[in-house]
N, C-alpha and C. Protein backbone atom coordinates (compact mmCIF):
# COMPACT_ATOMS: atom_id res chain seq x y z
N MET A 1 -113.52 -20.29 -41.28
CA MET A 1 -112.76 -21.37 -42.46
C MET A 1 -111.24 -21.36 -41.29
N THR A 2 -110.67 -22.82 -41.42
CA THR A 2 -109.26 -22.86 -40.81
C THR A 2 -108.03 -22.81 -42.40
N ALA A 3 -107.03 -22.88 -41.95
CA ALA A 3 -106.07 -22.45 -43.15
C ALA A 3 -106.16 -23.89 -44.10
N GLN A 4 -106.49 -25.12 -43.26
CA GLN A 4 -106.40 -26.15 -44.23
C GLN A 4 -107.52 -26.34 -45.17
N GLU A 5 -108.60 -25.29 -44.54
CA GLU A 5 -110.21 -25.82 -45.19
C GLU A 5 -110.10 -24.56 -46.53
N LYS A 6 -109.18 -23.71 -46.56
CA LYS A 6 -108.97 -22.87 -47.53
C LYS A 6 -109.66 -23.20 -49.11
N LYS A 7 -110.59 -22.66 -49.50
CA LYS A 7 -110.81 -22.96 -50.62
C LYS A 7 -110.42 -22.02 -51.95
N ALA A 8 -110.08 -23.05 -52.99
CA ALA A 8 -109.67 -22.35 -53.95
C ALA A 8 -110.64 -22.21 -54.99
N TYR A 9 -110.53 -20.81 -55.61
CA TYR A 9 -111.98 -20.23 -56.17
C TYR A 9 -111.36 -20.24 -57.67
N THR A 10 -112.45 -20.56 -58.44
CA THR A 10 -112.45 -20.04 -59.81
C THR A 10 -112.55 -18.66 -60.17
N PHE A 11 -112.03 -18.04 -61.11
CA PHE A 11 -112.20 -16.67 -61.43
C PHE A 11 -113.64 -16.50 -61.51
N GLY A 12 -114.85 -17.32 -62.10
CA GLY A 12 -116.11 -17.05 -62.48
C GLY A 12 -116.61 -17.00 -60.76
N GLU A 13 -116.17 -17.90 -60.07
CA GLU A 13 -116.81 -17.85 -58.75
C GLU A 13 -116.13 -16.59 -57.64
N TYR A 14 -115.30 -16.40 -58.06
CA TYR A 14 -114.90 -15.47 -57.59
C TYR A 14 -115.39 -13.78 -58.01
N GLU A 15 -116.01 -13.78 -58.93
CA GLU A 15 -116.85 -12.91 -59.30
C GLU A 15 -118.05 -13.04 -59.24
N GLU A 16 -118.95 -14.25 -58.87
CA GLU A 16 -119.96 -14.46 -58.15
C GLU A 16 -119.76 -14.06 -56.78
N LEU A 17 -118.81 -14.14 -56.15
CA LEU A 17 -118.69 -13.60 -54.66
C LEU A 17 -118.99 -13.00 -54.54
N GLU A 18 -118.11 -11.74 -55.63
CA GLU A 18 -117.91 -10.49 -54.97
C GLU A 18 -119.61 -10.14 -55.07
N ARG A 19 -120.03 -10.17 -56.14
CA ARG A 19 -121.52 -9.81 -56.71
C ARG A 19 -122.34 -10.33 -55.41
N ALA A 20 -122.00 -11.34 -54.83
CA ALA A 20 -123.16 -11.79 -54.22
C ALA A 20 -122.74 -11.06 -52.74
N ASP A 21 -121.70 -11.14 -52.14
CA ASP A 21 -121.23 -10.48 -50.99
C ASP A 21 -121.66 -9.07 -50.75
N GLY A 22 -120.95 -8.32 -52.32
CA GLY A 22 -120.96 -6.69 -52.32
C GLY A 22 -119.55 -6.18 -51.48
N VAL A 23 -118.77 -7.23 -51.36
CA VAL A 23 -117.31 -6.78 -50.94
C VAL A 23 -116.43 -7.05 -52.13
N ARG A 24 -115.45 -5.95 -51.86
CA ARG A 24 -114.38 -6.32 -52.82
C ARG A 24 -113.09 -6.99 -52.26
N TYR A 25 -112.69 -7.96 -53.46
CA TYR A 25 -112.05 -9.13 -52.89
C TYR A 25 -110.58 -8.87 -53.55
N ALA A 26 -109.33 -9.30 -53.58
CA ALA A 26 -108.34 -9.19 -54.38
C ALA A 26 -108.11 -10.83 -54.50
N TYR A 27 -107.61 -10.83 -55.95
CA TYR A 27 -108.09 -12.44 -56.24
C TYR A 27 -106.21 -12.95 -56.74
N TYR A 28 -105.96 -13.96 -56.36
CA TYR A 28 -104.44 -14.13 -56.13
C TYR A 28 -104.57 -16.10 -56.89
N ASP A 29 -104.72 -16.22 -58.27
CA ASP A 29 -104.55 -17.54 -58.39
C ASP A 29 -105.23 -18.36 -57.74
N GLY A 30 -106.69 -17.75 -57.75
CA GLY A 30 -107.52 -18.82 -56.69
C GLY A 30 -107.92 -18.52 -55.49
N GLU A 31 -107.14 -17.97 -54.67
CA GLU A 31 -107.40 -17.29 -53.48
C GLU A 31 -107.98 -15.94 -53.02
N VAL A 32 -108.86 -15.66 -52.60
CA VAL A 32 -109.71 -14.41 -52.59
C VAL A 32 -109.31 -13.97 -51.15
N VAL A 33 -109.07 -12.67 -50.93
CA VAL A 33 -108.51 -11.59 -49.78
C VAL A 33 -109.73 -10.70 -49.91
N ALA A 34 -110.17 -10.53 -48.87
CA ALA A 34 -110.96 -9.57 -48.67
C ALA A 34 -110.48 -7.99 -48.26
N MET A 35 -110.83 -6.89 -48.95
CA MET A 35 -110.34 -5.29 -49.15
C MET A 35 -110.40 -5.08 -47.82
N ALA A 36 -109.31 -4.25 -47.22
CA ALA A 36 -109.63 -3.65 -46.00
C ALA A 36 -110.59 -2.14 -46.12
N GLY A 37 -111.46 -2.04 -45.02
CA GLY A 37 -111.95 -0.89 -45.38
C GLY A 37 -111.05 0.69 -45.14
N THR A 38 -111.76 1.58 -45.48
CA THR A 38 -111.28 2.70 -45.46
C THR A 38 -111.44 3.99 -44.52
N THR A 39 -110.79 4.80 -44.56
CA THR A 39 -111.28 5.93 -43.70
C THR A 39 -111.67 6.88 -44.53
N LYS A 40 -112.35 8.12 -43.59
CA LYS A 40 -112.90 9.17 -44.68
C LYS A 40 -111.79 9.74 -45.03
N ARG A 41 -110.72 9.82 -44.37
CA ARG A 41 -109.47 10.88 -44.81
C ARG A 41 -108.88 9.92 -46.32
N HIS A 42 -108.86 8.81 -46.15
CA HIS A 42 -108.80 7.96 -47.51
C HIS A 42 -109.46 8.27 -48.60
N ASN A 43 -110.45 8.21 -48.51
CA ASN A 43 -111.35 8.33 -49.54
C ASN A 43 -111.62 9.83 -49.84
N LEU A 44 -111.52 10.75 -49.07
CA LEU A 44 -111.44 12.28 -49.62
C LEU A 44 -109.92 12.59 -50.49
N ILE A 45 -109.20 11.90 -49.88
CA ILE A 45 -108.00 11.91 -50.86
C ILE A 45 -107.93 11.38 -52.18
N VAL A 46 -108.61 9.95 -52.27
CA VAL A 46 -108.77 9.39 -53.52
C VAL A 46 -109.76 10.23 -54.53
N GLN A 47 -111.01 10.97 -53.86
CA GLN A 47 -112.06 11.86 -54.35
C GLN A 47 -111.17 12.83 -55.21
N SER A 48 -110.32 13.44 -54.20
CA SER A 48 -109.38 14.51 -54.65
C SER A 48 -108.58 14.34 -55.98
N LEU A 49 -107.70 13.14 -55.77
CA LEU A 49 -107.28 12.74 -57.04
C LEU A 49 -107.74 12.45 -58.22
N SER A 50 -109.01 11.97 -57.96
CA SER A 50 -110.03 11.49 -59.11
C SER A 50 -110.26 12.71 -59.89
N ARG A 51 -111.18 13.68 -58.78
CA ARG A 51 -111.49 15.01 -59.40
C ARG A 51 -110.47 15.72 -60.15
N LEU A 52 -109.28 15.62 -59.84
CA LEU A 52 -107.92 16.07 -60.39
C LEU A 52 -107.53 15.65 -61.70
N LEU A 53 -107.61 14.36 -61.54
CA LEU A 53 -107.03 13.51 -63.04
C LEU A 53 -108.46 13.72 -64.04
N TYR A 54 -109.69 13.65 -63.75
CA TYR A 54 -110.78 13.47 -64.48
C TYR A 54 -110.55 14.28 -65.83
N PRO A 55 -110.44 15.75 -65.70
CA PRO A 55 -110.56 16.69 -66.70
C PRO A 55 -109.18 16.19 -67.93
N ILE A 56 -107.90 15.97 -66.79
CA ILE A 56 -106.96 15.36 -67.69
C ILE A 56 -106.87 14.27 -68.64
N SER A 57 -107.77 13.56 -67.81
CA SER A 57 -107.99 12.04 -68.88
C SER A 57 -109.10 12.29 -70.02
N CYS A 58 -109.94 13.26 -69.59
CA CYS A 58 -111.02 13.70 -71.05
C CYS A 58 -110.30 14.21 -72.12
N GLN A 59 -109.43 15.19 -71.51
CA GLN A 59 -108.51 16.07 -72.61
C GLN A 59 -107.40 15.18 -73.50
N LYS A 60 -106.81 14.06 -72.63
CA LYS A 60 -106.16 13.44 -73.57
C LYS A 60 -106.84 12.23 -74.04
N GLY A 61 -108.23 11.97 -74.09
CA GLY A 61 -108.57 10.59 -74.61
C GLY A 61 -108.31 9.28 -73.62
N CYS A 62 -108.26 9.48 -72.24
CA CYS A 62 -108.00 8.42 -71.51
C CYS A 62 -109.16 8.33 -70.30
N ARG A 63 -109.08 7.63 -69.39
CA ARG A 63 -110.19 7.57 -68.50
C ARG A 63 -109.21 7.15 -67.09
N VAL A 64 -110.14 7.96 -65.65
CA VAL A 64 -109.73 7.49 -64.61
C VAL A 64 -110.77 6.87 -63.83
N PHE A 65 -110.27 5.62 -63.25
CA PHE A 65 -111.15 4.96 -62.37
C PHE A 65 -110.65 4.73 -60.89
N ALA A 66 -111.90 4.94 -59.97
CA ALA A 66 -111.48 5.10 -58.37
C ALA A 66 -111.74 3.90 -57.94
N GLU A 67 -111.06 3.08 -57.21
CA GLU A 67 -111.27 1.83 -56.07
C GLU A 67 -112.08 0.85 -56.49
N ASN A 68 -113.32 1.09 -57.41
CA ASN A 68 -113.84 -0.53 -57.83
C ASN A 68 -113.90 -0.70 -59.01
N VAL A 69 -112.55 -0.67 -59.72
CA VAL A 69 -112.52 -1.23 -60.73
C VAL A 69 -111.17 -2.01 -60.91
N LYS A 70 -111.07 -3.17 -61.31
CA LYS A 70 -110.07 -4.20 -60.52
C LYS A 70 -108.65 -3.78 -61.82
N GLN A 71 -107.69 -4.06 -61.55
CA GLN A 71 -106.43 -4.39 -62.04
C GLN A 71 -106.42 -5.76 -62.48
N LYS A 72 -105.81 -6.24 -63.36
CA LYS A 72 -105.45 -7.18 -64.17
C LYS A 72 -103.90 -7.47 -63.75
N LEU A 73 -103.14 -8.35 -63.16
CA LEU A 73 -101.38 -8.49 -62.88
C LEU A 73 -101.26 -9.29 -64.13
N THR A 74 -99.87 -9.02 -64.58
CA THR A 74 -99.54 -10.07 -65.70
C THR A 74 -98.97 -11.57 -65.21
N THR A 75 -99.10 -11.91 -63.87
CA THR A 75 -98.70 -13.25 -63.58
C THR A 75 -99.83 -13.92 -63.06
N GLY A 76 -100.10 -14.88 -63.55
CA GLY A 76 -101.04 -15.68 -63.41
C GLY A 76 -102.60 -15.19 -63.44
N GLN A 77 -103.53 -15.68 -62.78
CA GLN A 77 -104.87 -14.80 -62.43
C GLN A 77 -104.76 -14.13 -61.27
N GLN A 78 -104.33 -13.09 -61.51
CA GLN A 78 -104.15 -11.99 -60.36
C GLN A 78 -105.25 -10.58 -60.52
N TYR A 79 -105.92 -10.30 -59.78
CA TYR A 79 -106.62 -9.31 -59.52
C TYR A 79 -106.55 -8.34 -58.49
N VAL A 80 -106.05 -7.05 -58.05
CA VAL A 80 -106.33 -6.14 -57.66
C VAL A 80 -107.10 -4.82 -57.65
N TYR A 81 -107.36 -4.20 -56.31
CA TYR A 81 -108.15 -3.13 -56.67
C TYR A 81 -106.94 -1.76 -56.15
N PRO A 82 -106.53 -1.22 -57.27
CA PRO A 82 -105.65 0.12 -56.82
C PRO A 82 -106.69 0.84 -56.47
N ASP A 83 -106.58 2.04 -55.65
CA ASP A 83 -107.07 3.27 -55.78
C ASP A 83 -107.54 4.01 -56.68
N LEU A 84 -106.47 4.27 -57.63
CA LEU A 84 -106.99 4.85 -58.80
C LEU A 84 -106.21 4.30 -59.88
N ILE A 85 -107.03 4.11 -61.09
CA ILE A 85 -106.38 3.75 -62.30
C ILE A 85 -106.44 4.69 -63.15
N TYR A 86 -105.32 4.94 -64.27
CA TYR A 86 -105.75 5.81 -65.42
C TYR A 86 -105.22 5.00 -66.39
N THR A 87 -105.77 4.91 -67.38
CA THR A 87 -105.35 4.28 -68.55
C THR A 87 -105.80 4.77 -69.90
N CYS A 88 -105.28 4.84 -70.89
CA CYS A 88 -105.33 5.45 -72.05
C CYS A 88 -105.69 4.41 -73.44
N ASP A 89 -105.19 3.07 -72.71
CA ASP A 89 -105.72 1.99 -73.75
C ASP A 89 -106.79 1.81 -74.15
N PRO A 90 -106.88 1.92 -75.63
CA PRO A 90 -108.46 1.70 -76.37
C PRO A 90 -109.17 0.56 -75.99
N GLY A 91 -108.26 -0.55 -75.88
CA GLY A 91 -109.03 -1.67 -75.06
C GLY A 91 -109.65 -1.94 -74.00
N ASP A 92 -109.25 -0.96 -73.13
CA ASP A 92 -109.53 -0.65 -71.86
C ASP A 92 -110.54 0.49 -71.77
N LEU A 93 -110.81 1.32 -72.96
CA LEU A 93 -112.00 2.13 -72.86
C LEU A 93 -113.16 1.80 -73.56
N ALA A 94 -113.14 0.48 -74.29
CA ALA A 94 -113.79 -0.09 -75.31
C ALA A 94 -115.37 -0.13 -74.76
N ASP A 95 -115.30 -0.90 -73.49
CA ASP A 95 -116.48 -1.36 -72.88
C ASP A 95 -116.78 -0.79 -71.29
N ASP A 96 -117.45 0.09 -71.30
CA ASP A 96 -117.44 0.99 -69.97
C ASP A 96 -118.40 -0.24 -69.09
N SER A 97 -119.08 -0.94 -69.62
CA SER A 97 -119.43 -2.18 -68.29
C SER A 97 -118.22 -3.10 -68.14
N ALA A 98 -117.30 -2.99 -68.16
CA ALA A 98 -116.15 -3.91 -67.74
C ALA A 98 -115.95 -3.46 -66.50
N THR A 99 -115.28 -4.27 -65.56
CA THR A 99 -114.91 -4.36 -64.39
C THR A 99 -113.36 -4.11 -64.19
N ILE A 100 -112.54 -4.90 -65.26
CA ILE A 100 -111.17 -4.71 -65.09
C ILE A 100 -110.35 -4.21 -66.36
N VAL A 101 -109.09 -3.35 -65.79
CA VAL A 101 -108.38 -2.88 -66.57
C VAL A 101 -107.21 -3.79 -66.86
N HIS A 102 -106.56 -3.57 -68.00
CA HIS A 102 -105.78 -4.51 -68.14
C HIS A 102 -104.42 -3.62 -68.40
N SER A 103 -104.41 -2.52 -69.12
CA SER A 103 -103.03 -1.70 -69.48
C SER A 103 -103.36 -0.27 -68.99
N PRO A 104 -102.78 -0.19 -67.42
CA PRO A 104 -102.76 0.82 -67.03
C PRO A 104 -101.63 1.90 -67.40
N SER A 105 -101.52 3.21 -67.61
CA SER A 105 -100.45 4.09 -67.44
C SER A 105 -100.29 4.66 -66.23
N LEU A 106 -100.61 4.89 -65.39
CA LEU A 106 -100.75 5.33 -64.07
C LEU A 106 -101.54 4.41 -63.09
N LEU A 107 -100.84 4.23 -61.84
CA LEU A 107 -101.81 3.56 -60.75
C LEU A 107 -101.50 4.23 -59.53
N ILE A 108 -102.37 4.69 -58.73
CA ILE A 108 -102.12 5.25 -57.65
C ILE A 108 -102.48 4.48 -56.37
N GLU A 109 -101.67 4.61 -55.41
CA GLU A 109 -102.25 4.10 -53.96
C GLU A 109 -102.53 5.18 -53.05
N VAL A 110 -103.19 4.94 -52.07
CA VAL A 110 -103.32 5.87 -50.77
C VAL A 110 -102.92 5.20 -49.55
N LEU A 111 -102.05 5.45 -49.08
CA LEU A 111 -101.37 4.72 -48.20
C LEU A 111 -102.39 4.88 -46.84
N SER A 112 -102.19 3.52 -46.09
CA SER A 112 -102.66 3.26 -44.83
C SER A 112 -101.72 2.25 -43.89
N LYS A 113 -101.90 2.21 -42.79
CA LYS A 113 -101.25 1.46 -41.90
C LYS A 113 -101.40 -0.07 -42.50
N SER A 114 -102.56 -0.35 -42.40
CA SER A 114 -102.90 -1.65 -42.78
C SER A 114 -102.75 -2.22 -44.24
N THR A 115 -102.06 -1.22 -45.27
CA THR A 115 -102.10 -1.80 -46.48
C THR A 115 -100.43 -1.02 -46.89
N GLU A 116 -99.98 -0.13 -46.11
CA GLU A 116 -98.54 0.26 -46.70
C GLU A 116 -97.42 -0.54 -46.98
N ASP A 117 -97.33 -1.72 -46.45
CA ASP A 117 -96.39 -2.84 -46.70
C ASP A 117 -96.49 -3.10 -48.19
N GLU A 118 -97.77 -3.76 -48.07
CA GLU A 118 -98.38 -4.59 -49.24
C GLU A 118 -98.45 -3.48 -50.83
N ASP A 119 -98.54 -2.46 -50.64
CA ASP A 119 -98.42 -1.47 -51.57
C ASP A 119 -97.00 -0.87 -52.01
N ALA A 120 -96.48 -0.97 -50.84
CA ALA A 120 -95.00 -0.39 -51.52
C ALA A 120 -93.77 -1.67 -51.72
N HIS A 121 -94.41 -2.78 -51.43
CA HIS A 121 -93.34 -4.06 -51.81
C HIS A 121 -94.43 -4.97 -52.81
N GLU A 122 -95.03 -5.89 -52.42
CA GLU A 122 -95.70 -6.76 -53.12
C GLU A 122 -96.53 -6.08 -54.24
N LYS A 123 -97.20 -5.24 -54.30
CA LYS A 123 -98.11 -4.98 -55.35
C LYS A 123 -97.03 -3.97 -56.36
N ARG A 124 -96.09 -3.43 -55.56
CA ARG A 124 -95.20 -2.39 -56.42
C ARG A 124 -94.50 -3.44 -57.38
N LEU A 125 -93.90 -4.55 -57.09
CA LEU A 125 -93.16 -5.41 -57.75
C LEU A 125 -94.12 -6.02 -58.73
N LYS A 126 -95.27 -6.27 -58.51
CA LYS A 126 -96.03 -6.27 -59.63
C LYS A 126 -96.76 -5.67 -60.70
N TYR A 127 -96.88 -4.40 -60.18
CA TYR A 127 -97.28 -3.46 -61.06
C TYR A 127 -96.25 -3.05 -62.20
N PHE A 128 -94.84 -3.35 -61.47
CA PHE A 128 -93.88 -2.71 -62.73
C PHE A 128 -93.64 -3.79 -63.70
N LYS A 129 -94.24 -4.54 -63.35
CA LYS A 129 -94.25 -5.98 -64.43
C LYS A 129 -95.25 -5.68 -65.46
N LEU A 130 -96.08 -4.44 -65.37
CA LEU A 130 -97.41 -3.88 -66.32
C LEU A 130 -96.33 -3.12 -67.29
N PRO A 131 -96.31 -4.06 -68.87
CA PRO A 131 -95.80 -3.00 -69.62
C PRO A 131 -96.17 -1.85 -70.36
N SER A 132 -97.82 -1.34 -69.62
CA SER A 132 -98.28 -0.33 -70.39
C SER A 132 -97.95 0.88 -69.12
N LEU A 133 -97.45 0.22 -67.91
CA LEU A 133 -97.47 0.93 -66.72
C LEU A 133 -96.54 2.35 -66.97
N LEU A 134 -96.58 3.32 -66.81
CA LEU A 134 -95.53 4.55 -66.86
C LEU A 134 -95.06 4.94 -65.43
N ALA A 135 -95.95 5.02 -64.50
CA ALA A 135 -96.08 5.31 -63.37
C ALA A 135 -96.73 4.81 -62.24
N TYR A 136 -95.89 4.97 -61.33
CA TYR A 136 -96.97 4.22 -60.01
C TYR A 136 -96.67 5.21 -58.51
N VAL A 137 -97.59 5.99 -57.88
CA VAL A 137 -97.69 6.84 -56.98
C VAL A 137 -98.23 6.53 -55.86
N MET A 138 -97.36 6.38 -54.88
CA MET A 138 -98.14 6.36 -53.44
C MET A 138 -98.01 7.49 -52.41
N ILE A 139 -99.40 7.98 -51.99
CA ILE A 139 -99.60 9.01 -51.13
C ILE A 139 -99.82 8.85 -50.02
N SER A 140 -99.14 9.67 -48.98
CA SER A 140 -99.39 9.28 -47.77
C SER A 140 -100.98 10.03 -47.02
N GLN A 141 -101.03 9.65 -46.23
CA GLN A 141 -102.41 9.93 -45.86
C GLN A 141 -102.36 10.90 -44.43
N THR A 142 -101.22 10.88 -43.73
CA THR A 142 -100.54 11.91 -43.08
C THR A 142 -99.85 13.06 -43.06
N ASP A 143 -99.21 13.05 -44.31
CA ASP A 143 -98.36 14.16 -44.54
C ASP A 143 -98.57 14.34 -46.14
N TYR A 144 -98.07 15.42 -46.25
CA TYR A 144 -97.89 16.31 -47.87
C TYR A 144 -96.68 15.50 -48.56
N ARG A 145 -96.90 14.40 -48.61
CA ARG A 145 -96.08 13.35 -49.21
C ARG A 145 -96.59 12.41 -50.29
N ALA A 146 -95.86 12.49 -51.43
CA ALA A 146 -95.83 11.29 -52.33
C ALA A 146 -94.68 10.62 -52.94
N GLU A 147 -94.71 9.37 -53.09
CA GLU A 147 -93.46 8.59 -53.26
C GLU A 147 -94.00 7.86 -54.92
N VAL A 148 -93.08 8.74 -55.74
CA VAL A 148 -93.02 8.66 -57.49
C VAL A 148 -92.17 7.75 -57.88
N TYR A 149 -92.51 6.81 -58.69
CA TYR A 149 -92.01 5.92 -59.50
C TYR A 149 -92.53 6.13 -60.85
N GLU A 150 -91.48 6.20 -61.76
CA GLU A 150 -91.88 6.71 -63.11
C GLU A 150 -90.88 5.96 -64.03
N ARG A 151 -91.15 5.13 -64.77
CA ARG A 151 -90.42 4.34 -65.97
C ARG A 151 -89.74 5.28 -67.03
N SER A 152 -88.09 5.03 -66.96
CA SER A 152 -87.45 5.51 -67.62
C SER A 152 -86.82 4.32 -68.51
N ALA A 153 -87.32 4.36 -69.87
CA ALA A 153 -86.42 3.35 -70.55
C ALA A 153 -86.70 1.91 -70.37
N ASP A 154 -85.44 1.12 -69.55
CA ASP A 154 -85.28 0.12 -68.68
C ASP A 154 -84.99 0.12 -67.49
N PHE A 155 -85.50 1.07 -66.54
CA PHE A 155 -85.44 1.44 -65.35
C PHE A 155 -86.25 2.20 -64.61
N TRP A 156 -86.85 2.23 -63.36
CA TRP A 156 -87.56 3.05 -62.63
C TRP A 156 -87.13 4.06 -61.88
N LYS A 157 -87.25 5.16 -62.08
CA LYS A 157 -86.72 6.40 -61.43
C LYS A 157 -88.02 6.78 -60.26
N PHE A 158 -86.98 6.84 -58.73
CA PHE A 158 -87.97 7.00 -57.89
C PHE A 158 -87.64 8.42 -57.16
N ARG A 159 -88.65 9.08 -56.86
CA ARG A 159 -88.44 10.43 -55.89
C ARG A 159 -89.66 10.39 -55.06
N ILE A 160 -89.17 11.21 -53.68
CA ILE A 160 -90.29 11.47 -52.70
C ILE A 160 -90.38 12.69 -53.00
N ILE A 161 -91.59 13.57 -53.15
CA ILE A 161 -92.05 14.86 -53.00
C ILE A 161 -92.75 15.22 -51.89
N GLU A 162 -92.42 16.29 -51.15
CA GLU A 162 -92.82 16.50 -49.95
C GLU A 162 -93.11 18.04 -49.62
N GLY A 163 -94.07 18.66 -48.72
CA GLY A 163 -94.32 19.78 -48.33
C GLY A 163 -95.78 20.35 -48.79
N PRO A 164 -96.45 21.06 -48.62
CA PRO A 164 -97.83 21.63 -49.08
C PRO A 164 -97.83 22.21 -50.02
N ASP A 165 -96.69 22.72 -50.73
CA ASP A 165 -96.34 23.64 -52.02
C ASP A 165 -95.56 22.72 -53.25
N ALA A 166 -95.31 21.50 -52.67
CA ALA A 166 -94.78 20.42 -53.76
C ALA A 166 -95.53 20.19 -54.98
N LEU A 167 -95.08 19.87 -55.95
CA LEU A 167 -95.84 19.17 -57.56
C LEU A 167 -95.50 18.24 -57.49
N ILE A 168 -96.41 17.15 -58.19
CA ILE A 168 -96.15 16.15 -58.69
C ILE A 168 -96.33 16.12 -60.08
N HIS A 169 -95.01 16.17 -60.73
CA HIS A 169 -94.92 16.10 -62.27
C HIS A 169 -94.63 14.78 -62.81
N LEU A 170 -95.65 14.26 -63.53
CA LEU A 170 -95.04 12.89 -64.02
C LEU A 170 -94.81 13.31 -65.93
N GLU A 171 -93.67 13.33 -65.38
CA GLU A 171 -93.00 13.55 -66.94
C GLU A 171 -93.44 12.75 -68.46
N THR A 172 -93.47 11.20 -67.89
CA THR A 172 -93.87 10.20 -68.94
C THR A 172 -95.46 10.87 -69.30
N LEU A 173 -96.38 11.15 -68.62
CA LEU A 173 -97.72 11.35 -68.81
C LEU A 173 -97.83 12.84 -69.21
N ASP A 174 -97.14 14.21 -68.74
CA ASP A 174 -97.18 15.03 -68.80
C ASP A 174 -98.56 15.77 -67.80
N ILE A 175 -98.56 14.93 -66.76
CA ILE A 175 -99.62 15.26 -65.60
C ILE A 175 -98.88 16.25 -64.28
N THR A 176 -99.69 17.22 -63.94
CA THR A 176 -98.89 17.76 -62.95
C THR A 176 -100.00 17.90 -61.98
N LEU A 177 -99.57 17.26 -60.73
CA LEU A 177 -100.74 17.44 -59.75
C LEU A 177 -99.91 18.56 -58.34
N ALA A 178 -101.05 19.20 -57.97
CA ALA A 178 -100.41 19.94 -56.71
C ALA A 178 -100.67 19.22 -55.46
N LEU A 179 -99.80 19.00 -54.44
CA LEU A 179 -100.05 18.67 -53.28
C LEU A 179 -101.36 19.11 -52.36
N THR A 180 -101.21 20.54 -52.58
CA THR A 180 -102.08 21.23 -51.86
C THR A 180 -103.57 20.68 -52.37
N ASP A 181 -103.55 20.78 -53.39
CA ASP A 181 -104.92 19.99 -54.45
C ASP A 181 -105.10 19.03 -54.04
N VAL A 182 -104.33 17.82 -53.76
CA VAL A 182 -104.37 16.78 -53.32
C VAL A 182 -105.31 16.56 -51.73
N TYR A 183 -104.57 17.37 -51.37
CA TYR A 183 -104.80 17.36 -49.84
C TYR A 183 -105.74 18.16 -49.23
N GLU A 184 -106.82 18.86 -50.40
CA GLU A 184 -107.64 19.86 -50.09
C GLU A 184 -108.71 19.62 -49.19
N GLY A 185 -108.81 20.40 -47.86
CA GLY A 185 -110.18 20.49 -46.97
C GLY A 185 -109.50 19.77 -46.30
N LEU A 186 -108.07 18.76 -45.99
CA LEU A 186 -107.55 18.11 -44.84
C LEU A 186 -106.86 18.96 -43.82
């Protein structure tokens, strides 16, 4: 399809397209964009993060979702697939057959060369508009490094966590993750 022939999809058509194709697509006000595939390393990091966050989420009455659950953005009809979504919102927890989260507390992206610019810029700015979001974390695939954004009243604090012995401490969520555990087996 050429750029002039681009089809605008309704949200219902978008969901049907995903079911029919078995492919994940981001949805931006009628435009669908196929999600890039991931590497084994990317997948292992997402699995480690999910494994680490699962007991914490259960203890706090929250849930963690990895890769295949959509995040609704606040502007227009926009839906994306973060690598991990952590939510404590009763509305998000009420229906376990739903495919969309509306009120995340934490979003995590595992950076790759093909998505790093989008995750660090466009998505980050859209994520910051989510009123419920308390933290956004970007994890490197290649280094023991995390870029952490945490909401603090009316601004976002930013810090870089580096090194195999470093800890990601999310004060607003009372969550601590060791980078050595995040990168376990790599």
